Amino acid sequence: MSVSTHVLDAVRGRPAVGVDVRVERRDGADWIDIAASVTNEDGRIGDLLASADMDAGVYRITFAAERYFAGSGVEQSFYPEVVIVFRVLDPRAHHHVPILLSPFAYSTYRGS
C-alpha cells in the first residue's frame, strides 16, 4: 500500500509548501500514529506512507491548515485542521488523497 497527497493553496493558486501532514490508522476506538511529513515545493508528499506490511482498514490524514495559513500571512483560518478519513480495501493499491485548501473551505477526492 502507498499513500500520497498533493495540497493546493486555493487563495494563491499555487502549491501549498510546508504543510504539516500526519497519518493515523484506526485500531478499535483508538488512532495510532504511523507517519508524518511536510509538503515539498510542489505541495506534494509522494511517499507519505509506503509499506508492504500495511493492512486494509480505516486511516486518517490530518493537515495543519491553520499553521500553514498563519505562516503564509493569512490572519485566521476557520479550519485549524482538516481531517480526511478514508478506507483502504486493497492494501496493495496506491491511495492518493489530494486537497484544495483555503482558510474557509476545502475539497478533496480520491486521486490516482
N, C-alpha and C. Protein backbone atom coordinates (compact mmCIF):
# COMPACT_ATOMS: atom_id res chain seq x y z
N MET A 1 0.84 -1.17 0.00
CA MET A 1 0.00 0.00 0.00
C MET A 1 0.88 1.23 0.00
N SER A 2 0.42 2.24 -0.64
CA SER A 2 1.11 3.53 -0.57
C SER A 2 0.07 4.64 -0.50
N VAL A 3 0.46 5.71 0.17
CA VAL A 3 -0.40 6.88 0.31
C VAL A 3 0.42 8.11 -0.06
N SER A 4 -0.16 8.96 -0.90
CA SER A 4 0.46 10.22 -1.26
C SER A 4 -0.58 11.33 -1.16
N THR A 5 -0.12 12.57 -1.17
CA THR A 5 -1.03 13.70 -1.13
C THR A 5 -0.46 14.86 -1.94
N HIS A 6 -1.33 15.78 -2.30
CA HIS A 6 -0.97 16.99 -3.01
C HIS A 6 -1.87 18.09 -2.46
N VAL A 7 -1.28 19.13 -1.91
CA VAL A 7 -2.05 20.22 -1.31
C VAL A 7 -1.89 21.47 -2.17
N LEU A 8 -3.02 22.00 -2.63
CA LEU A 8 -3.01 23.23 -3.42
C LEU A 8 -3.64 24.35 -2.61
N ASP A 9 -2.99 25.50 -2.59
CA ASP A 9 -3.46 26.70 -1.90
C ASP A 9 -4.40 27.43 -2.85
N ALA A 10 -5.71 27.40 -2.57
CA ALA A 10 -6.71 28.00 -3.45
C ALA A 10 -6.69 29.53 -3.37
N VAL A 11 -6.15 30.10 -2.31
CA VAL A 11 -6.06 31.55 -2.18
C VAL A 11 -5.03 32.10 -3.16
N ARG A 12 -3.90 31.43 -3.23
CA ARG A 12 -2.80 31.91 -4.05
C ARG A 12 -2.73 31.24 -5.43
N GLY A 13 -3.47 30.16 -5.60
CA GLY A 13 -3.44 29.46 -6.87
C GLY A 13 -2.13 28.77 -7.15
N ARG A 14 -1.53 28.19 -6.10
CA ARG A 14 -0.25 27.51 -6.27
C ARG A 14 -0.11 26.42 -5.21
N PRO A 15 0.92 25.59 -5.32
CA PRO A 15 1.12 24.53 -4.33
C PRO A 15 1.29 25.09 -2.92
N ALA A 16 0.78 24.37 -1.95
CA ALA A 16 0.92 24.75 -0.54
C ALA A 16 2.20 24.10 -0.01
N VAL A 17 3.23 24.90 0.14
CA VAL A 17 4.54 24.44 0.58
C VAL A 17 4.62 24.49 2.10
N GLY A 18 5.11 23.41 2.72
CA GLY A 18 5.35 23.41 4.15
C GLY A 18 4.15 23.05 5.02
N VAL A 19 3.18 22.34 4.47
CA VAL A 19 2.02 21.91 5.27
C VAL A 19 2.40 20.65 6.04
N ASP A 20 2.23 20.69 7.35
CA ASP A 20 2.46 19.50 8.18
C ASP A 20 1.30 18.53 7.98
N VAL A 21 1.64 17.26 7.74
CA VAL A 21 0.64 16.24 7.46
C VAL A 21 0.94 15.01 8.32
N ARG A 22 -0.10 14.44 8.89
CA ARG A 22 0.04 13.25 9.75
C ARG A 22 -0.94 12.18 9.29
N VAL A 23 -0.52 10.92 9.34
CA VAL A 23 -1.37 9.78 9.00
C VAL A 23 -1.51 8.90 10.22
N GLU A 24 -2.74 8.45 10.46
CA GLU A 24 -3.02 7.54 11.57
C GLU A 24 -3.88 6.38 11.05
N ARG A 25 -3.83 5.29 11.78
CA ARG A 25 -4.64 4.10 11.46
C ARG A 25 -5.56 3.84 12.65
N ARG A 26 -6.82 3.53 12.33
CA ARG A 26 -7.77 3.25 13.42
C ARG A 26 -7.54 1.83 13.93
N ASP A 27 -7.52 1.73 15.25
CA ASP A 27 -7.36 0.44 15.94
C ASP A 27 -8.44 0.39 17.01
N GLY A 28 -9.60 -0.17 16.67
CA GLY A 28 -10.74 -0.15 17.58
C GLY A 28 -11.23 1.27 17.72
N ALA A 29 -11.26 1.79 18.95
CA ALA A 29 -11.69 3.17 19.20
C ALA A 29 -10.51 4.14 19.20
N ASP A 30 -9.30 3.63 19.07
CA ASP A 30 -8.09 4.46 19.13
C ASP A 30 -7.52 4.73 17.75
N TRP A 31 -6.70 5.76 17.66
CA TRP A 31 -5.95 6.08 16.46
C TRP A 31 -4.47 5.95 16.78
N ILE A 32 -3.74 5.30 15.88
CA ILE A 32 -2.31 5.07 16.06
C ILE A 32 -1.54 5.88 15.01
N ASP A 33 -0.63 6.73 15.46
CA ASP A 33 0.22 7.48 14.54
C ASP A 33 1.10 6.52 13.76
N ILE A 34 1.15 6.69 12.44
CA ILE A 34 2.00 5.81 11.65
C ILE A 34 2.94 6.56 10.71
N ALA A 35 2.66 7.84 10.43
CA ALA A 35 3.55 8.59 9.55
C ALA A 35 3.28 10.08 9.69
N ALA A 36 4.31 10.86 9.39
CA ALA A 36 4.19 12.32 9.37
C ALA A 36 5.21 12.88 8.40
N SER A 37 4.85 13.99 7.74
CA SER A 37 5.77 14.62 6.81
C SER A 37 5.31 16.05 6.56
N VAL A 38 6.01 16.72 5.65
CA VAL A 38 5.71 18.11 5.29
C VAL A 38 5.71 18.21 3.76
N THR A 39 4.75 18.96 3.21
CA THR A 39 4.68 19.09 1.75
C THR A 39 5.91 19.80 1.20
N ASN A 40 6.33 19.37 0.02
CA ASN A 40 7.53 19.93 -0.62
C ASN A 40 7.19 21.18 -1.43
N GLU A 41 8.13 21.65 -2.23
CA GLU A 41 7.95 22.88 -3.01
C GLU A 41 6.85 22.76 -4.07
N ASP A 42 6.42 21.56 -4.36
CA ASP A 42 5.31 21.34 -5.29
C ASP A 42 4.01 21.03 -4.54
N GLY A 43 4.02 21.16 -3.20
CA GLY A 43 2.84 20.87 -2.40
C GLY A 43 2.56 19.39 -2.26
N ARG A 44 3.53 18.57 -2.54
CA ARG A 44 3.32 17.12 -2.56
C ARG A 44 4.10 16.38 -1.47
N ILE A 45 3.56 15.23 -1.12
CA ILE A 45 4.29 14.22 -0.36
C ILE A 45 4.03 12.92 -1.10
N GLY A 46 5.01 12.47 -1.82
CA GLY A 46 4.84 11.30 -2.67
C GLY A 46 4.94 9.98 -1.94
N ASP A 47 5.57 9.99 -0.79
CA ASP A 47 5.79 8.76 -0.05
C ASP A 47 5.33 8.90 1.40
N LEU A 48 4.15 9.48 1.58
CA LEU A 48 3.63 9.68 2.93
C LEU A 48 3.54 8.37 3.68
N LEU A 49 3.13 7.35 2.99
CA LEU A 49 3.04 6.03 3.60
C LEU A 49 3.32 5.01 2.51
N ALA A 50 4.36 4.25 2.68
CA ALA A 50 4.72 3.22 1.72
C ALA A 50 5.22 2.01 2.49
N SER A 51 4.39 1.00 2.57
CA SER A 51 4.79 -0.18 3.32
C SER A 51 4.03 -1.40 2.83
N ALA A 52 4.75 -2.44 2.56
CA ALA A 52 4.11 -3.69 2.14
C ALA A 52 3.40 -4.36 3.31
N ASP A 53 3.68 -3.89 4.52
CA ASP A 53 3.09 -4.50 5.71
C ASP A 53 1.77 -3.88 6.15
N MET A 54 1.30 -2.86 5.45
CA MET A 54 0.07 -2.19 5.86
C MET A 54 -1.14 -3.07 5.55
N ASP A 55 -2.15 -2.91 6.38
CA ASP A 55 -3.36 -3.72 6.26
C ASP A 55 -4.52 -2.90 5.72
N ALA A 56 -5.54 -3.60 5.26
CA ALA A 56 -6.80 -2.94 4.94
C ALA A 56 -7.33 -2.37 6.24
N GLY A 57 -8.07 -1.28 6.15
CA GLY A 57 -8.62 -0.67 7.35
C GLY A 57 -8.96 0.78 7.13
N VAL A 58 -9.18 1.50 8.22
CA VAL A 58 -9.56 2.90 8.17
C VAL A 58 -8.37 3.75 8.61
N TYR A 59 -8.08 4.77 7.81
CA TYR A 59 -6.95 5.66 8.04
C TYR A 59 -7.45 7.09 8.03
N ARG A 60 -6.66 7.98 8.61
CA ARG A 60 -6.99 9.40 8.51
C ARG A 60 -5.72 10.21 8.30
N ILE A 61 -5.88 11.25 7.50
CA ILE A 61 -4.82 12.20 7.23
C ILE A 61 -5.24 13.53 7.84
N THR A 62 -4.35 14.14 8.60
CA THR A 62 -4.62 15.44 9.20
C THR A 62 -3.66 16.47 8.60
N PHE A 63 -4.23 17.54 8.09
CA PHE A 63 -3.47 18.64 7.50
C PHE A 63 -3.52 19.82 8.47
N ALA A 64 -2.39 20.39 8.83
CA ALA A 64 -2.32 21.51 9.77
C ALA A 64 -2.59 22.81 9.01
N ALA A 65 -3.86 23.06 8.72
CA ALA A 65 -4.26 24.20 7.88
C ALA A 65 -3.97 25.54 8.54
N GLU A 66 -4.35 25.69 9.79
CA GLU A 66 -4.16 26.97 10.47
C GLU A 66 -2.69 27.34 10.56
N ARG A 67 -1.86 26.39 10.89
CA ARG A 67 -0.41 26.63 10.98
C ARG A 67 0.15 27.06 9.62
N TYR A 68 -0.31 26.39 8.56
CA TYR A 68 0.15 26.74 7.21
C TYR A 68 -0.26 28.18 6.87
N PHE A 69 -1.55 28.51 7.05
CA PHE A 69 -2.00 29.83 6.66
C PHE A 69 -1.40 30.93 7.52
N ALA A 70 -1.18 30.68 8.81
CA ALA A 70 -0.54 31.67 9.68
C ALA A 70 0.87 31.98 9.17
N GLY A 71 1.57 30.96 8.72
CA GLY A 71 2.91 31.15 8.17
C GLY A 71 2.91 31.79 6.79
N SER A 72 1.73 31.84 6.17
CA SER A 72 1.61 32.43 4.83
C SER A 72 1.02 33.83 4.86
N GLY A 73 0.82 34.37 6.06
CA GLY A 73 0.32 35.73 6.16
C GLY A 73 -1.19 35.87 6.28
N VAL A 74 -1.93 34.77 6.29
CA VAL A 74 -3.38 34.83 6.46
C VAL A 74 -3.66 34.92 7.96
N GLU A 75 -4.45 35.91 8.35
CA GLU A 75 -4.65 36.19 9.77
C GLU A 75 -5.35 35.07 10.51
N GLN A 76 -6.34 34.45 9.89
CA GLN A 76 -7.11 33.43 10.60
C GLN A 76 -7.65 32.40 9.62
N SER A 77 -7.73 31.15 10.07
CA SER A 77 -8.31 30.08 9.28
C SER A 77 -9.49 29.49 10.04
N PHE A 78 -10.60 29.31 9.37
CA PHE A 78 -11.78 28.73 10.01
C PHE A 78 -11.52 27.29 10.42
N TYR A 79 -10.69 26.59 9.66
CA TYR A 79 -10.36 25.19 9.93
C TYR A 79 -8.94 25.10 10.51
N PRO A 80 -8.80 24.88 11.81
CA PRO A 80 -7.45 24.71 12.38
C PRO A 80 -6.75 23.50 11.77
N GLU A 81 -7.51 22.44 11.56
CA GLU A 81 -7.01 21.23 10.92
C GLU A 81 -8.06 20.73 9.95
N VAL A 82 -7.60 20.08 8.91
CA VAL A 82 -8.51 19.38 8.01
C VAL A 82 -8.19 17.90 8.16
N VAL A 83 -9.22 17.13 8.51
CA VAL A 83 -9.05 15.70 8.75
C VAL A 83 -9.86 14.94 7.71
N ILE A 84 -9.18 14.06 6.99
CA ILE A 84 -9.82 13.23 5.97
C ILE A 84 -9.68 11.78 6.39
N VAL A 85 -10.81 11.13 6.58
CA VAL A 85 -10.83 9.72 6.98
C VAL A 85 -11.19 8.91 5.74
N PHE A 86 -10.42 7.87 5.47
CA PHE A 86 -10.67 7.05 4.28
C PHE A 86 -10.43 5.58 4.58
N ARG A 87 -11.01 4.74 3.75
CA ARG A 87 -10.92 3.29 3.93
C ARG A 87 -10.02 2.67 2.87
N VAL A 88 -9.15 1.79 3.31
CA VAL A 88 -8.29 1.02 2.41
C VAL A 88 -8.87 -0.38 2.32
N LEU A 89 -9.34 -0.74 1.14
CA LEU A 89 -9.86 -2.08 0.92
C LEU A 89 -8.80 -3.01 0.35
N ASP A 90 -7.97 -2.47 -0.51
CA ASP A 90 -6.91 -3.26 -1.15
C ASP A 90 -5.56 -2.72 -0.68
N PRO A 91 -4.92 -3.39 0.25
CA PRO A 91 -3.64 -2.91 0.77
C PRO A 91 -2.52 -2.81 -0.27
N ARG A 92 -2.70 -3.45 -1.42
CA ARG A 92 -1.68 -3.38 -2.46
C ARG A 92 -1.84 -2.16 -3.35
N ALA A 93 -2.97 -1.46 -3.25
CA ALA A 93 -3.27 -0.34 -4.13
C ALA A 93 -2.61 0.95 -3.65
N HIS A 94 -2.45 1.88 -4.60
CA HIS A 94 -1.97 3.22 -4.26
C HIS A 94 -3.17 4.10 -3.92
N HIS A 95 -3.04 4.92 -2.89
CA HIS A 95 -4.11 5.82 -2.46
C HIS A 95 -3.57 7.24 -2.47
N HIS A 96 -4.10 8.06 -3.38
CA HIS A 96 -3.69 9.45 -3.50
C HIS A 96 -4.82 10.31 -2.96
N VAL A 97 -4.51 11.16 -1.98
CA VAL A 97 -5.54 11.97 -1.31
C VAL A 97 -5.15 13.45 -1.48
N PRO A 98 -5.57 14.07 -2.59
CA PRO A 98 -5.27 15.48 -2.80
C PRO A 98 -6.29 16.37 -2.08
N ILE A 99 -5.87 17.62 -1.82
CA ILE A 99 -6.76 18.57 -1.16
C ILE A 99 -6.54 19.96 -1.75
N LEU A 100 -7.64 20.65 -2.00
CA LEU A 100 -7.63 22.05 -2.40
C LEU A 100 -8.01 22.83 -1.16
N LEU A 101 -7.13 23.71 -0.70
CA LEU A 101 -7.24 24.30 0.63
C LEU A 101 -7.33 25.82 0.58
N SER A 102 -8.24 26.36 1.38
CA SER A 102 -8.30 27.80 1.62
C SER A 102 -8.63 28.00 3.09
N PRO A 103 -8.55 29.22 3.63
CA PRO A 103 -8.83 29.42 5.05
C PRO A 103 -10.29 29.11 5.44
N PHE A 104 -11.21 29.13 4.46
CA PHE A 104 -12.62 28.97 4.79
C PHE A 104 -13.31 27.86 4.01
N ALA A 105 -12.53 27.03 3.30
CA ALA A 105 -13.12 25.93 2.54
C ALA A 105 -12.01 24.95 2.16
N TYR A 106 -12.43 23.72 1.87
CA TYR A 106 -11.52 22.74 1.33
C TYR A 106 -12.32 21.71 0.54
N SER A 107 -11.65 21.03 -0.38
CA SER A 107 -12.28 19.92 -1.09
C SER A 107 -11.23 18.85 -1.32
N THR A 108 -11.70 17.63 -1.45
CA THR A 108 -10.80 16.50 -1.63
C THR A 108 -11.51 15.44 -2.48
N TYR A 109 -10.75 14.49 -2.94
CA TYR A 109 -11.28 13.38 -3.71
C TYR A 109 -10.23 12.29 -3.73
N ARG A 110 -10.60 11.11 -4.18
CA ARG A 110 -9.60 10.07 -4.34
C ARG A 110 -8.91 10.24 -5.67
N GLY A 111 -7.66 10.56 -5.62
CA GLY A 111 -6.89 10.76 -6.82
C GLY A 111 -6.29 9.48 -7.34
N SER A 112 -5.44 9.62 -8.33
CA SER A 112 -4.81 8.44 -8.94
C SER A 112 -3.30 8.56 -8.89
